[in-house]
Amino acid sequence: MTRMVLRWGFIAILTVAAFHRTIASAWATTVGGGFGGYVWIVPIAAALAAIGIARRHRTELPIHDRQTDIIVATMGLVMALLVHGVLLQRYGLYFHLLRLDLVAMWLFIVSASVAMFGLRPVIRFGWAWLVLFMVFPLPYYLTVIVLGGNRVAAGVGTMVIAATATATAVGRRVSRAMVGSNLAWLVGLLILAFMAVFLPSANLRLYQYVPALTSICVVGSLMYLAARRGEPKRVLDRKLEPLAARQIWSAVPLVLVIAVLLSVVRLPEVGLASPARVDTMDFSAPMKAPPGWHIVESQRYTWVTRYYGRGAVLTRQKMVADRGNPHYDKFSRPRTVMVDSITTLRPFSLDVYPTRMMYRVNGIRLSGIRPVDLGYGTGADLFSVVDDKILVSWDGLQWTWTNGTVGRRVLAIAVDNHEDWAPFPQPTGGLVPTLNSMFTVLFRGNSATADDDPNIKDDELLTEFGHALVRAELEPLGVDP
């Protein structure tokens, strides 16, 4: 027992040391109100599932090969290092959506366990390890988006974890696992329904944690008591088997070295400008056109609530210059700038879902980001997008405002075609194209979706327009330039 505790303590200490930035980032996501705060449920659910497995009789043969353990562990540890040090950086734009650092942490823990305990014990708890893999957030985010992006959807997403963990904990047989899973769903959905009716404004964390954890504990306990009916009710009624892997000294330096290398890897920084905080800003009204421009058309899209939560709205305003300027068009035609603004009660969600997820565009190439100072404490990002299919390019200027409780991301778009019928990207939702882009990056690298030699033709137009728009919004609020 003492050796087991020491080995798990060794793995836990090295995990915290190797992924201290990841743990701090996950906590910041939770405090910031992001849906990604669900990840704290996963290790609890995996531990409860492992307890259920541990109560079953040990069945693996008493055969042990440390050479195989070290080979498998080494492969897993190196894979964790590659995911954390290489693949994570490649997906910097989608960091909060994918959280590949959590996948690397999972790989490290599994591989370190193989090195410290042996391959056979790890395989015996295979279903519990699969439950722990649910820290990979992309499936959870997709579930929440499909179900509406609200608190109830977030609760249903965590119920998938709870039902899987319950089935693993009680599943001595497939039929018993199905019963446990169905009962967990029943208990969890009843609690969710009660909260939706009587606690509609409860904190998001309550919707994520209470139904999931309650269903696991209640169903697991009831099925344990039913199985032990007429017998002594003792949690630890199984003989604690001795550790199969006795000689682990050769594995300790391996795990330690990989942990040290992982600890120096920094989380990716996209380089986007930080949100400008304006405490007096009222986000209930649409933006006003700056002097020299007028609004021709305005549309509202409420489907963005699936991404950015209840009350979120995307407003598209078509702004046209009052007069043409030969510097921006050789025929002095008045230029058009499309202004898309997303307002949300969950400002952190603006970091989770990047701008391109709002547009159904395939096969585009993005340029690097050029920082721009728009004054009044507002920093922006200037970039270009090339669509090789329709042979058009767009230039964009993006910035974010927040008053602490509400956030607004503004994107001003200009197209290189100056005709009235010029195509602008349409805000119809681009989840599938975004996933396709992720797979392209995985297999072909960032160069497949990046424009390494951008030509931002309308940088002066957008910069001047951005300055005027920011001035028109913030000057009446008494914000200093």
Protein backbone atom coordinates (compact mmCIF):
# COMPACT_ATOMS: atom_id res chain seq x y z
CA MET A 1 0.00 0.00 0.00
CA THR A 2 2.81 2.41 0.90
CA ARG A 3 4.62 1.74 -2.38
CA MET A 4 1.44 2.34 -4.32
CA VAL A 5 0.82 5.68 -2.62
CA LEU A 6 4.43 6.75 -3.21
CA ARG A 7 4.23 5.90 -6.89
CA TRP A 8 0.96 7.77 -7.39
CA GLY A 9 2.37 10.69 -5.43
CA PHE A 10 5.42 10.74 -7.70
CA ILE A 11 3.21 10.80 -10.80
CA ALA A 12 0.94 13.50 -9.34
CA ILE A 13 3.83 15.79 -8.38
CA LEU A 14 5.47 15.47 -11.78
CA THR A 15 2.15 16.06 -13.55
CA VAL A 16 1.56 19.31 -11.67
CA ALA A 17 5.14 20.41 -12.31
CA ALA A 18 5.04 19.53 -16.01
CA PHE A 19 1.62 21.05 -16.71
CA HIS A 20 1.43 23.89 -14.20
CA ARG A 21 0.62 26.37 -16.99
CA THR A 22 -2.14 24.11 -18.27
CA ILE A 23 -3.71 23.77 -14.82
CA ALA A 24 -3.56 27.55 -14.30
CA SER A 25 -5.14 28.14 -17.72
CA ALA A 26 -7.95 25.65 -17.03
CA TRP A 27 -8.67 27.41 -13.74
CA ALA A 28 -8.73 30.79 -15.52
CA THR A 29 -11.24 29.35 -18.00
CA THR A 30 -13.45 28.20 -15.11
CA VAL A 31 -13.28 31.54 -13.30
CA GLY A 32 -13.91 33.35 -16.57
CA GLY A 33 -17.22 31.54 -17.05
CA GLY A 34 -16.19 29.41 -20.02
CA PHE A 35 -17.88 26.11 -20.81
CA GLY A 36 -14.42 24.53 -20.59
CA GLY A 37 -14.73 24.57 -16.81
CA TYR A 38 -16.36 21.15 -17.10
CA VAL A 39 -12.89 19.52 -17.17
CA TRP A 40 -12.71 19.37 -13.37
CA ILE A 41 -15.55 16.85 -13.39
CA VAL A 42 -13.62 14.42 -15.57
CA PRO A 43 -10.91 13.30 -13.09
CA ILE A 44 -13.57 12.86 -10.38
CA ALA A 45 -15.71 10.75 -12.71
CA ALA A 46 -12.68 8.72 -13.81
CA ALA A 47 -11.67 8.10 -10.17
CA LEU A 48 -15.18 6.87 -9.30
CA ALA A 49 -15.13 4.61 -12.36
CA ALA A 50 -11.73 3.26 -11.29
CA ILE A 51 -13.07 2.49 -7.80
CA GLY A 52 -15.80 0.37 -9.37
CA ILE A 53 -13.26 -1.51 -11.48
CA ALA A 54 -10.93 -2.02 -8.50
CA ARG A 55 -13.69 -3.82 -6.58
CA ARG A 56 -13.75 -6.58 -9.18
CA HIS A 57 -11.57 -9.66 -8.94
CA ARG A 58 -8.19 -9.32 -10.57
CA THR A 59 -8.04 -11.54 -13.65
CA GLU A 60 -4.79 -10.84 -15.49
CA LEU A 61 -2.14 -13.53 -15.52
CA PRO A 62 0.83 -13.11 -13.15
CA ILE A 63 3.19 -12.51 -16.09
CA HIS A 64 5.19 -9.33 -16.19
CA ASP A 65 7.74 -7.96 -18.66
CA ARG A 66 9.41 -4.72 -17.63
CA GLN A 67 11.05 -4.38 -21.03
CA THR A 68 7.65 -4.12 -22.71
CA ASP A 69 6.49 -1.66 -20.06
CA ILE A 70 9.45 0.66 -20.67
CA ILE A 71 9.06 0.52 -24.46
CA VAL A 72 5.34 1.34 -24.35
CA ALA A 73 5.86 4.03 -21.69
CA THR A 74 8.66 5.64 -23.68
CA MET A 75 6.51 5.80 -26.81
CA GLY A 76 3.64 7.38 -24.88
CA LEU A 77 5.85 9.90 -23.08
CA VAL A 78 7.50 10.99 -26.32
CA MET A 79 4.05 11.33 -27.92
CA ALA A 80 2.95 13.54 -25.00
CA LEU A 81 6.01 15.72 -25.55
CA LEU A 82 5.29 16.02 -29.29
CA VAL A 83 1.63 16.89 -28.75
CA HIS A 84 2.47 19.49 -26.12
CA GLY A 85 5.51 20.97 -27.82
CA VAL A 86 4.60 20.77 -31.52
CA LEU A 87 0.94 20.07 -32.24
CA LEU A 88 -0.30 22.45 -29.55
CA GLN A 89 1.60 25.35 -31.12
CA ARG A 90 0.28 24.48 -34.58
CA TYR A 91 -3.30 24.95 -33.38
CA GLY A 92 -2.69 28.17 -31.47
CA LEU A 93 -5.76 29.87 -32.99
CA TYR A 94 -8.00 27.08 -31.65
CA PHE A 95 -6.24 26.65 -28.31
CA HIS A 96 -9.31 26.98 -26.09
CA LEU A 97 -11.46 24.91 -28.43
CA LEU A 98 -9.07 21.94 -28.62
CA ARG A 99 -6.97 22.17 -25.44
CA LEU A 100 -4.40 19.73 -26.79
CA ASP A 101 -2.33 20.44 -23.69
CA LEU A 102 -4.94 18.47 -21.72
CA VAL A 103 -4.55 15.61 -24.21
CA ALA A 104 -0.79 15.75 -23.64
CA MET A 105 -1.37 15.65 -19.89
CA TRP A 106 -3.57 12.56 -20.30
CA LEU A 107 -0.88 10.87 -22.39
CA PHE A 108 1.75 11.70 -19.78
CA ILE A 109 -0.29 10.29 -16.88
CA VAL A 110 -1.16 7.09 -18.76
CA SER A 111 2.42 6.54 -19.93
CA ALA A 112 3.90 7.33 -16.51
CA SER A 113 1.47 4.83 -14.99
CA VAL A 114 2.65 2.17 -17.43
CA ALA A 115 6.24 2.91 -16.42
CA MET A 116 5.53 2.90 -12.68
CA PHE A 117 2.91 0.13 -12.41
CA GLY A 118 3.16 -1.93 -15.56
CA LEU A 119 1.13 -2.31 -18.73
CA ARG A 120 -1.29 -4.98 -17.48
CA PRO A 121 -2.72 -3.00 -14.53
CA VAL A 122 -3.16 0.03 -16.79
CA ILE A 123 -5.04 -2.06 -19.35
CA ARG A 124 -7.25 -3.49 -16.60
CA PHE A 125 -8.42 0.08 -15.88
CA GLY A 126 -8.71 0.87 -19.60
CA TRP A 127 -12.33 2.08 -19.42
CA ALA A 128 -11.46 4.47 -16.60
CA TRP A 129 -8.63 5.88 -18.71
CA LEU A 130 -11.13 6.39 -21.56
CA VAL A 131 -13.36 8.33 -19.18
CA LEU A 132 -10.37 10.49 -18.26
CA PHE A 133 -9.73 11.16 -21.97
CA MET A 134 -12.96 13.15 -21.97
CA VAL A 135 -10.86 16.12 -20.88
CA PHE A 136 -10.42 16.61 -24.65
CA PRO A 137 -13.04 19.34 -24.99
CA LEU A 138 -13.88 19.39 -28.71
CA PRO A 139 -16.63 16.70 -28.50
CA TYR A 140 -18.08 18.45 -25.47
CA TYR A 141 -18.14 21.83 -27.25
CA LEU A 142 -19.76 20.27 -30.32
CA THR A 143 -22.43 18.70 -28.11
CA VAL A 144 -23.17 22.02 -26.43
CA ILE A 145 -23.34 23.84 -29.78
CA VAL A 146 -25.73 21.28 -31.30
CA LEU A 147 -27.99 21.40 -28.23
CA GLY A 148 -28.29 25.17 -28.22
CA GLY A 149 -25.27 26.56 -26.35
CA ASN A 150 -27.15 27.33 -23.12
CA ARG A 151 -26.82 26.17 -19.50
CA VAL A 152 -29.03 23.13 -20.04
CA ALA A 153 -26.94 22.09 -23.05
CA ALA A 154 -23.81 22.40 -20.90
CA GLY A 155 -25.43 20.16 -18.29
CA VAL A 156 -26.44 17.55 -20.86
CA GLY A 157 -22.85 17.57 -22.14
CA THR A 158 -21.49 16.67 -18.72
CA MET A 159 -24.16 14.00 -18.37
CA VAL A 160 -22.46 12.13 -21.22
CA ILE A 161 -19.39 11.92 -18.96
CA ALA A 162 -21.47 10.92 -15.95
CA ALA A 163 -23.34 8.18 -17.79
CA THR A 164 -20.10 6.76 -19.21
CA ALA A 165 -18.40 6.80 -15.81
CA THR A 166 -21.40 5.17 -14.13
CA ALA A 167 -21.56 2.42 -16.75
CA THR A 168 -17.84 1.80 -16.24
CA ALA A 169 -18.11 1.71 -12.45
CA VAL A 170 -21.05 -0.71 -12.23
CA GLY A 171 -20.52 -2.64 -15.45
CA ARG A 172 -19.54 -6.12 -14.38
CA ARG A 173 -21.69 -7.17 -17.33
CA VAL A 174 -22.83 -5.29 -20.41
CA SER A 175 -26.47 -5.45 -19.28
CA ARG A 176 -25.56 -4.05 -15.86
CA ALA A 177 -23.54 -1.26 -17.51
CA MET A 178 -26.54 -0.31 -19.66
CA VAL A 179 -28.79 -0.20 -16.60
CA GLY A 180 -26.31 2.02 -14.77
CA SER A 181 -25.96 4.36 -17.73
CA ASN A 182 -29.73 4.69 -18.22
CA LEU A 183 -30.33 5.32 -14.52
CA ALA A 184 -27.61 7.98 -14.52
CA TRP A 185 -29.30 9.70 -17.45
CA LEU A 186 -32.66 9.52 -15.70
CA VAL A 187 -31.39 11.03 -12.44
CA GLY A 188 -29.29 13.67 -14.19
CA LEU A 189 -32.03 14.80 -16.57
CA LEU A 190 -34.55 15.04 -13.72
CA ILE A 191 -32.16 17.31 -11.83
CA LEU A 192 -31.53 19.37 -14.97
CA ALA A 193 -35.27 19.76 -15.54
CA PHE A 194 -35.76 20.90 -11.94
CA MET A 195 -32.95 23.45 -12.28
CA ALA A 196 -34.23 24.72 -15.63
CA VAL A 197 -37.69 25.36 -14.12
CA PHE A 198 -36.83 26.63 -10.64
CA LEU A 199 -33.23 27.86 -11.06
CA PRO A 200 -33.04 29.19 -14.63
CA SER A 201 -30.40 31.80 -13.76
CA ALA A 202 -28.19 29.56 -11.64
CA ASN A 203 -24.45 29.64 -12.22
CA LEU A 204 -23.20 27.66 -15.21
CA ARG A 205 -20.97 25.59 -12.92
CA LEU A 206 -24.03 24.30 -11.05
CA TYR A 207 -25.60 23.09 -14.29
CA GLN A 208 -22.38 21.32 -15.21
CA TYR A 209 -21.44 19.82 -11.84
CA VAL A 210 -24.57 19.06 -9.81
CA PRO A 211 -26.51 16.74 -12.18
CA ALA A 212 -23.40 14.87 -13.33
CA LEU A 213 -21.79 14.23 -9.95
CA THR A 214 -25.11 13.54 -8.22
CA SER A 215 -26.13 10.95 -10.80
CA ILE A 216 -22.80 9.10 -10.55
CA CYS A 217 -22.86 8.97 -6.76
CA VAL A 218 -26.55 8.15 -6.36
CA VAL A 219 -26.76 5.47 -9.05
CA GLY A 220 -23.40 3.94 -8.12
CA SER A 221 -24.33 3.75 -4.44
CA LEU A 222 -27.79 2.31 -5.10
CA MET A 223 -26.48 -0.37 -7.45
CA TYR A 224 -23.72 -1.24 -4.97
CA LEU A 225 -26.24 -1.63 -2.15
CA ALA A 226 -28.53 -3.70 -4.37
CA ALA A 227 -25.67 -6.00 -5.37
CA ARG A 228 -24.60 -6.43 -1.71
CA ARG A 229 -28.11 -7.05 -0.43
CA GLY A 230 -27.88 -9.40 2.58
CA GLU A 231 -24.08 -9.15 2.70
CA PRO A 232 -21.66 -6.94 4.66
CA LYS A 233 -21.51 -3.41 3.23
CA ARG A 234 -17.79 -2.69 3.06
CA VAL A 235 -16.25 -0.52 0.35
CA LEU A 236 -12.83 -2.18 0.52
CA ASP A 237 -13.85 -5.83 0.65
CA ARG A 238 -11.35 -7.02 -1.91
CA LYS A 239 -7.83 -8.15 -1.17
CA LEU A 240 -5.30 -5.53 -2.21
CA GLU A 241 -3.17 -7.30 -4.78
CA PRO A 242 0.60 -6.72 -4.69
CA LEU A 243 2.16 -4.51 -7.32
CA ALA A 244 3.22 -6.50 -10.36
CA ALA A 245 6.03 -4.11 -11.31
CA ARG A 246 8.55 -4.40 -8.51
CA GLN A 247 11.65 -2.91 -10.16
CA ILE A 248 10.88 0.63 -11.26
CA TRP A 249 14.19 2.39 -10.78
CA SER A 250 14.90 2.37 -14.50
CA ALA A 251 11.56 4.10 -15.16
CA VAL A 252 11.98 6.94 -12.65
CA PRO A 253 14.65 8.89 -14.61
CA LEU A 254 12.67 8.46 -17.86
CA VAL A 255 9.48 9.94 -16.42
CA LEU A 256 11.42 12.68 -14.63
CA VAL A 257 13.28 13.82 -17.76
CA ILE A 258 10.10 13.99 -19.85
CA ALA A 259 8.35 15.92 -17.07
CA VAL A 260 11.18 18.48 -16.99
CA LEU A 261 11.01 18.92 -20.77
CA LEU A 262 7.24 19.33 -20.65
CA SER A 263 7.49 21.93 -17.90
CA VAL A 264 9.43 24.36 -20.12
CA VAL A 265 6.85 24.30 -22.95
CA ARG A 266 4.78 27.48 -23.01
CA LEU A 267 1.16 27.60 -24.01
CA PRO A 268 0.59 29.15 -27.46
CA GLU A 269 -0.07 32.83 -27.83
CA VAL A 270 -2.13 33.79 -30.87
CA GLY A 271 -0.98 37.39 -30.61
CA LEU A 272 -4.44 38.95 -30.77
CA ALA A 273 -4.92 42.33 -29.16
CA SER A 274 -6.25 42.27 -25.61
CA PRO A 275 -9.85 43.39 -25.07
CA ALA A 276 -10.19 47.10 -24.29
CA ARG A 277 -12.15 47.61 -21.09
CA VAL A 278 -14.69 50.44 -21.11
CA ASP A 279 -16.77 50.29 -17.94
CA THR A 280 -19.32 52.86 -19.13
CA MET A 281 -20.05 51.23 -22.49
CA ASP A 282 -23.65 50.18 -23.19
CA PHE A 283 -23.75 47.19 -25.52
CA SER A 284 -27.55 47.08 -25.87
CA ALA A 285 -27.56 49.43 -28.87
CA PRO A 286 -25.92 48.79 -32.26
CA MET A 287 -22.90 50.82 -33.23
CA LYS A 288 -23.19 54.21 -34.89
CA ALA A 289 -21.66 55.03 -38.26
CA PRO A 290 -18.59 57.28 -37.97
CA PRO A 291 -18.58 60.76 -39.57
CA GLY A 292 -18.35 60.51 -43.36
CA TRP A 293 -20.13 57.15 -43.45
CA HIS A 294 -23.75 56.02 -43.36
CA ILE A 295 -25.48 52.73 -42.64
CA VAL A 296 -27.22 51.28 -45.69
CA GLU A 297 -28.38 47.98 -44.26
CA SER A 298 -28.46 46.26 -40.87
CA GLN A 299 -29.19 42.62 -39.97
CA ARG A 300 -29.28 40.66 -36.72
CA TYR A 301 -28.35 36.98 -36.35
CA THR A 302 -29.38 35.21 -33.16
CA TRP A 303 -28.06 31.74 -34.08
CA VAL A 304 -24.74 32.75 -32.50
CA THR A 305 -26.31 31.92 -29.12
CA ARG A 306 -25.21 28.33 -29.85
CA TYR A 307 -21.61 29.53 -29.59
CA TYR A 308 -21.68 32.52 -27.27
CA GLY A 309 -24.54 31.76 -24.90
CA ARG A 310 -27.97 33.12 -24.13
CA GLY A 311 -28.58 36.70 -25.28
CA ALA A 312 -25.69 36.72 -27.76
CA VAL A 313 -26.31 38.42 -31.10
CA LEU A 314 -24.34 39.09 -34.26
CA THR A 315 -25.18 42.41 -35.92
CA ARG A 316 -24.11 43.06 -39.51
CA GLN A 317 -24.04 46.71 -40.59
CA LYS A 318 -23.26 47.69 -44.15
CA MET A 319 -21.54 51.08 -43.98
CA VAL A 320 -20.86 53.11 -47.15
CA ALA A 321 -18.72 56.24 -47.44
CA ASP A 322 -20.62 59.47 -48.16
CA ARG A 323 -18.09 60.39 -50.85
CA GLY A 324 -15.53 58.51 -52.88
CA ASN A 325 -11.79 58.93 -52.42
CA PRO A 326 -9.38 58.37 -55.33
CA HIS A 327 -6.80 57.14 -52.83
CA TYR A 328 -9.02 54.13 -52.05
CA ASP A 329 -10.62 53.68 -55.49
CA LYS A 330 -9.23 54.96 -58.79
CA PHE A 331 -12.75 55.79 -60.01
CA SER A 332 -13.59 57.60 -56.75
CA ARG A 333 -16.42 55.21 -56.01
CA PRO A 334 -17.66 55.29 -52.38
CA ARG A 335 -16.16 52.30 -50.61
CA THR A 336 -18.20 49.80 -48.60
CA VAL A 337 -17.13 48.35 -45.26
CA MET A 338 -19.09 45.52 -43.66
CA VAL A 339 -19.08 45.73 -39.87
CA ASP A 340 -19.92 42.52 -37.99
CA SER A 341 -20.17 42.78 -34.20
CA ILE A 342 -20.81 39.91 -31.79
CA THR A 343 -22.18 40.83 -28.37
CA THR A 344 -22.20 38.22 -25.62
CA LEU A 345 -22.79 37.92 -21.90
CA ARG A 346 -19.88 35.43 -21.82
CA PRO A 347 -16.84 37.46 -22.92
CA PHE A 348 -14.54 34.45 -22.46
CA SER A 349 -16.38 32.62 -25.26
CA LEU A 350 -14.92 35.10 -27.73
CA ASP A 351 -11.54 33.46 -27.11
CA VAL A 352 -12.94 29.93 -27.54
CA TYR A 353 -14.60 30.41 -30.92
CA PRO A 354 -12.44 32.41 -33.36
CA THR A 355 -13.97 34.76 -35.89
CA ARG A 356 -13.65 32.39 -38.85
CA MET A 357 -16.12 29.96 -37.23
CA MET A 358 -18.91 32.44 -37.96
CA TYR A 359 -18.44 32.24 -41.74
CA ARG A 360 -18.96 29.33 -44.13
CA VAL A 361 -15.75 29.70 -46.12
CA ASN A 362 -13.78 26.74 -47.47
CA GLY A 363 -10.19 26.60 -48.63
CA ILE A 364 -9.23 30.08 -47.43
CA ARG A 365 -5.74 31.20 -46.52
CA LEU A 366 -5.17 33.56 -43.59
CA SER A 367 -2.31 36.01 -43.33
CA GLY A 368 -0.39 36.83 -40.22
CA ILE A 369 -1.70 39.46 -37.80
CA ARG A 370 -0.52 43.06 -37.87
CA PRO A 371 -1.23 45.05 -34.68
CA VAL A 372 -2.92 48.43 -35.06
CA ASP A 373 -3.53 51.11 -32.42
CA LEU A 374 -6.97 52.68 -32.89
CA GLY A 375 -6.58 55.11 -30.00
CA TYR A 376 -8.72 55.41 -26.86
CA GLY A 377 -6.92 52.39 -25.42
CA THR A 378 -8.20 50.10 -28.19
CA GLY A 379 -5.78 47.74 -29.91
CA ALA A 380 -6.80 45.93 -33.08
CA ASP A 381 -5.55 43.25 -35.45
CA LEU A 382 -5.25 43.72 -39.19
CA PHE A 383 -5.16 40.69 -41.48
CA SER A 384 -6.15 39.46 -44.94
CA VAL A 385 -8.05 36.42 -46.20
CA VAL A 386 -7.62 34.88 -49.64
CA ASP A 387 -10.33 32.68 -51.15
CA ASP A 388 -8.76 30.80 -54.04
CA LYS A 389 -12.10 29.32 -55.15
CA ILE A 390 -13.86 32.58 -56.00
CA LEU A 391 -10.61 34.49 -56.58
CA VAL A 392 -11.29 37.25 -54.11
CA SER A 393 -9.53 38.58 -51.04
CA TRP A 394 -10.85 40.33 -47.97
CA ASP A 395 -9.04 42.53 -45.50
CA GLY A 396 -10.22 42.59 -41.91
CA LEU A 397 -9.72 44.76 -38.85
CA GLN A 398 -10.78 43.19 -35.55
CA TRP A 399 -10.91 44.41 -31.97
CA THR A 400 -12.79 43.63 -28.74
CA TRP A 401 -14.50 45.76 -26.11
CA THR A 402 -15.77 44.70 -22.69
CA ASN A 403 -17.27 46.35 -19.63
CA GLY A 404 -16.45 43.40 -17.39
CA THR A 405 -19.73 41.53 -17.82
CA VAL A 406 -20.50 41.94 -21.52
CA GLY A 407 -18.11 41.58 -24.42
CA ARG A 408 -18.29 42.76 -28.03
CA ARG A 409 -15.99 41.68 -30.84
CA VAL A 410 -16.00 43.97 -33.86
CA LEU A 411 -14.83 42.94 -37.32
CA ALA A 412 -14.64 45.48 -40.16
CA ILE A 413 -14.30 43.84 -43.59
CA ALA A 414 -13.31 45.35 -46.94
CA VAL A 415 -13.24 43.42 -50.21
CA ASP A 416 -10.74 43.98 -53.03
CA ASN A 417 -13.62 44.11 -55.53
CA HIS A 418 -15.13 47.61 -55.28
CA GLU A 419 -18.33 46.91 -57.19
CA ASP A 420 -21.68 47.11 -55.42
CA TRP A 421 -22.20 43.37 -55.95
CA ALA A 422 -18.82 42.46 -54.47
CA PRO A 423 -19.06 39.26 -52.36
CA PHE A 424 -18.53 39.52 -48.62
CA PRO A 425 -18.24 36.43 -46.38
CA GLN A 426 -21.69 35.59 -45.08
CA PRO A 427 -22.24 35.00 -41.33
CA THR A 428 -24.07 31.69 -41.64
CA GLY A 429 -21.90 29.62 -39.30
CA GLY A 430 -18.81 27.74 -40.36
CA LEU A 431 -18.35 24.86 -37.92
CA VAL A 432 -17.85 22.19 -40.60
CA PRO A 433 -15.39 24.26 -42.70
CA THR A 434 -13.47 25.03 -39.53
CA LEU A 435 -13.17 21.34 -38.66
CA ASN A 436 -12.04 20.66 -42.23
CA SER A 437 -9.37 23.33 -41.82
CA MET A 438 -8.21 21.68 -38.59
CA PHE A 439 -7.74 18.35 -40.36
CA THR A 440 -5.89 20.10 -43.19
CA VAL A 441 -3.51 21.68 -40.68
CA LEU A 442 -3.03 18.30 -38.97
CA PHE A 443 -1.94 16.50 -42.13
CA ARG A 444 -0.38 19.30 -44.20
CA GLY A 445 0.79 21.85 -41.64
CA ASN A 446 -0.05 25.52 -41.19
CA SER A 447 1.38 26.42 -44.60
CA ALA A 448 -1.68 24.83 -46.25
CA THR A 449 -4.02 27.41 -44.70
CA ALA A 450 -1.67 30.39 -44.33
CA ASP A 451 -0.87 33.22 -46.70
CA ASP A 452 2.87 33.74 -46.26
CA ASP A 453 3.05 36.70 -48.66
CA PRO A 454 -0.04 38.79 -47.88
CA ASN A 455 -1.00 41.94 -49.74
CA ILE A 456 -3.29 43.93 -47.46
CA LYS A 457 -4.56 46.43 -50.01
CA ASP A 458 -7.08 48.22 -47.79
CA ASP A 459 -4.96 48.61 -44.68
CA GLU A 460 -5.12 52.41 -44.79
CA LEU A 461 -8.86 52.42 -45.46
CA LEU A 462 -9.61 50.06 -42.58
CA THR A 463 -7.24 51.81 -40.19
CA GLU A 464 -8.78 55.20 -40.90
CA PHE A 465 -12.29 53.74 -40.67
CA GLY A 466 -11.43 51.95 -37.41
CA HIS A 467 -10.08 55.15 -35.84
CA ALA A 468 -13.25 57.03 -36.79
CA LEU A 469 -15.57 54.26 -35.55
CA VAL A 470 -13.78 53.95 -32.21
CA ARG A 471 -13.85 57.73 -31.78
CA ALA A 472 -17.58 57.84 -32.54
CA GLU A 473 -18.28 55.15 -29.93
CA LEU A 474 -15.95 56.16 -27.10
CA GLU A 475 -15.66 59.95 -27.28
CA PRO A 476 -19.28 60.51 -26.08
CA LEU A 477 -18.49 58.26 -23.11
CA GLY A 478 -15.70 60.58 -21.98
CA VAL A 479 -12.91 58.08 -22.74
CA ASP A 480 -9.54 59.75 -23.20
CA PRO A 481 -7.85 59.27 -26.60
